[in-house]
Amino acid sequence: MFTYIYDWIKNLVFYLILMTMLMQIIPDSDYKKYIRFFTGLVLILLLARPVLGVFQLEGEFENLYHSMEYRQNVKEMERAREQFESAEEGYFEWQQDMVSESSEGRENADEK
C-alpha cells in the first residue's frame, strides 16, 4: 500500500516538474493556454487515479476509451472507403470518356 502511494506521489511530482519545465520553455503564444488546459486535464486524471483504483473504476475508463477509439477508427475507415469509392467512380468515368474520345477520333480519321 505504501509503495503504491509512494509511486503515485513520485509520478505526480515528476509530472509537475516536467510541466513546469515545458511551460518555461514555451514562448508566450496563443498555444500556451491550450497546453495549460491539456496539462490541467492530465493532472486531474493523475490526482483521480488513486480514487479510481479504490473503487476499481480504472478498468471501466479503459474500456470506455477503447470503445470510443474503436468507434473513431470505424468512422475513419468509412470515410476512407467513401473517398476510395468516389475516386474509383471518377476513374471509371474518366476511362469511359477516354474510350469514347478515342473511338470518336478514329471515326473522324476514317472519314477523312
Protein backbone atom coordinates (compact mmCIF):
# COMPACT_ATOMS: atom_id res chain seq x y z
CA MET A 1 0.00 0.00 0.00
CA PHE A 2 2.79 2.41 0.90
CA THR A 3 4.65 1.62 -2.30
CA TYR A 4 1.51 2.45 -4.28
CA ILE A 5 1.20 5.82 -2.56
CA TYR A 6 4.93 6.44 -2.93
CA ASP A 7 4.81 5.63 -6.66
CA TRP A 8 1.75 7.83 -7.10
CA ILE A 9 3.43 10.79 -5.39
CA LYS A 10 6.63 10.19 -7.37
CA ASN A 11 4.70 10.20 -10.67
CA LEU A 12 2.81 13.31 -9.64
CA VAL A 13 6.00 15.20 -8.72
CA PHE A 14 7.71 14.09 -11.93
CA TYR A 15 4.73 15.29 -13.97
CA LEU A 16 4.61 18.65 -12.21
CA ILE A 17 8.35 19.23 -12.71
CA LEU A 18 8.10 18.23 -16.37
CA MET A 19 5.14 20.53 -16.98
CA THR A 20 6.84 23.42 -15.18
CA MET A 21 9.90 23.00 -17.41
CA LEU A 22 7.70 22.78 -20.50
CA MET A 23 5.79 25.94 -19.60
CA GLN A 24 9.07 27.80 -19.08
CA ILE A 25 10.47 26.65 -22.41
CA ILE A 26 7.39 27.57 -24.46
CA PRO A 27 7.39 31.21 -25.54
CA ASP A 28 4.37 33.34 -24.80
CA SER A 29 1.92 32.45 -27.51
CA ASP A 30 -1.69 31.59 -28.10
CA TYR A 31 -0.85 27.88 -27.77
CA LYS A 32 0.26 28.27 -24.17
CA LYS A 33 -3.32 28.44 -22.89
CA TYR A 34 -4.21 25.23 -24.74
CA ILE A 35 -1.16 23.45 -23.38
CA ARG A 36 -2.04 24.63 -19.87
CA PHE A 37 -5.61 23.36 -20.34
CA PHE A 38 -4.43 19.95 -21.55
CA THR A 39 -1.85 19.60 -18.78
CA GLY A 40 -4.54 20.51 -16.26
CA LEU A 41 -6.75 17.70 -17.56
CA VAL A 42 -3.88 15.24 -17.28
CA LEU A 43 -3.18 16.48 -13.74
CA ILE A 44 -6.82 15.85 -12.79
CA LEU A 45 -6.53 12.30 -14.11
CA LEU A 46 -3.32 11.77 -12.15
CA LEU A 47 -4.96 13.05 -8.98
CA ALA A 48 -8.05 10.91 -9.52
CA ARG A 49 -6.13 7.70 -10.17
CA PRO A 50 -5.97 6.51 -6.53
CA VAL A 51 -9.69 7.17 -6.06
CA LEU A 52 -10.47 5.24 -9.23
CA GLY A 53 -8.21 2.43 -8.04
CA VAL A 54 -10.04 2.19 -4.71
CA PHE A 55 -13.40 1.86 -6.44
CA GLN A 56 -11.89 -0.32 -9.19
CA LEU A 57 -13.05 2.02 -11.94
CA GLU A 58 -9.76 2.16 -13.84
CA GLY A 59 -10.84 -0.78 -15.99
CA GLU A 60 -14.15 0.91 -16.77
CA PHE A 61 -12.41 4.05 -18.02
CA GLU A 62 -10.03 1.95 -20.09
CA ASN A 63 -12.95 0.08 -21.66
CA LEU A 64 -14.69 3.39 -22.35
CA TYR A 65 -11.58 4.77 -24.01
CA HIS A 66 -11.13 1.70 -26.16
CA SER A 67 -14.78 1.70 -27.23
CA MET A 68 -14.57 5.38 -28.20
CA GLU A 69 -11.30 4.70 -30.03
CA TYR A 70 -12.93 1.79 -31.85
CA ARG A 71 -15.86 3.96 -32.96
CA GLN A 72 -13.48 6.65 -34.18
CA ASN A 73 -11.48 4.08 -36.16
CA VAL A 74 -14.67 2.75 -37.74
CA LYS A 75 -15.68 6.27 -38.79
CA GLU A 76 -12.24 6.89 -40.30
CA MET A 77 -12.42 3.62 -42.24
CA GLU A 78 -15.90 4.51 -43.54
CA ARG A 79 -14.64 7.91 -44.66
CA ALA A 80 -11.68 6.29 -46.40
CA ARG A 81 -13.98 3.79 -48.11
CA GLU A 82 -16.24 6.60 -49.35
CA GLN A 83 -13.26 8.51 -50.68
CA PHE A 84 -11.97 5.39 -52.40
CA GLU A 85 -15.35 4.70 -53.98
CA SER A 86 -15.68 8.27 -55.24
CA ALA A 87 -12.15 8.12 -56.66
CA GLU A 88 -12.96 4.79 -58.29
CA GLU A 89 -16.13 6.23 -59.86
CA GLY A 90 -14.17 9.21 -61.10
CA TYR A 91 -11.57 6.92 -62.64
CA PHE A 92 -14.21 4.83 -64.42
CA GLU A 93 -15.87 7.98 -65.78
CA TRP A 94 -12.50 9.26 -66.97
CA GLN A 95 -11.74 5.91 -68.56
CA GLN A 96 -15.09 5.88 -70.37
CA ASP A 97 -14.51 9.44 -71.59
CA MET A 98 -11.08 8.45 -72.90
CA VAL A 99 -12.51 5.43 -74.71
CA SER A 100 -15.31 7.48 -76.27
CA GLU A 101 -12.88 10.23 -77.32
CA SER A 102 -10.57 7.61 -78.79
CA SER A 103 -13.38 5.99 -80.75
CA GLU A 104 -14.60 9.41 -81.99
CA GLY A 105 -11.08 10.25 -83.06
CA ARG A 106 -10.82 7.03 -85.05
CA GLU A 107 -14.19 7.66 -86.74
CA ASN A 108 -13.11 11.18 -87.73
CA ALA A 109 -9.80 9.86 -89.07
CA ASP A 110 -11.59 7.15 -91.07
CA GLU A 111 -13.97 9.73 -92.61
CA LYS A 112 -11.08 11.83 -93.89
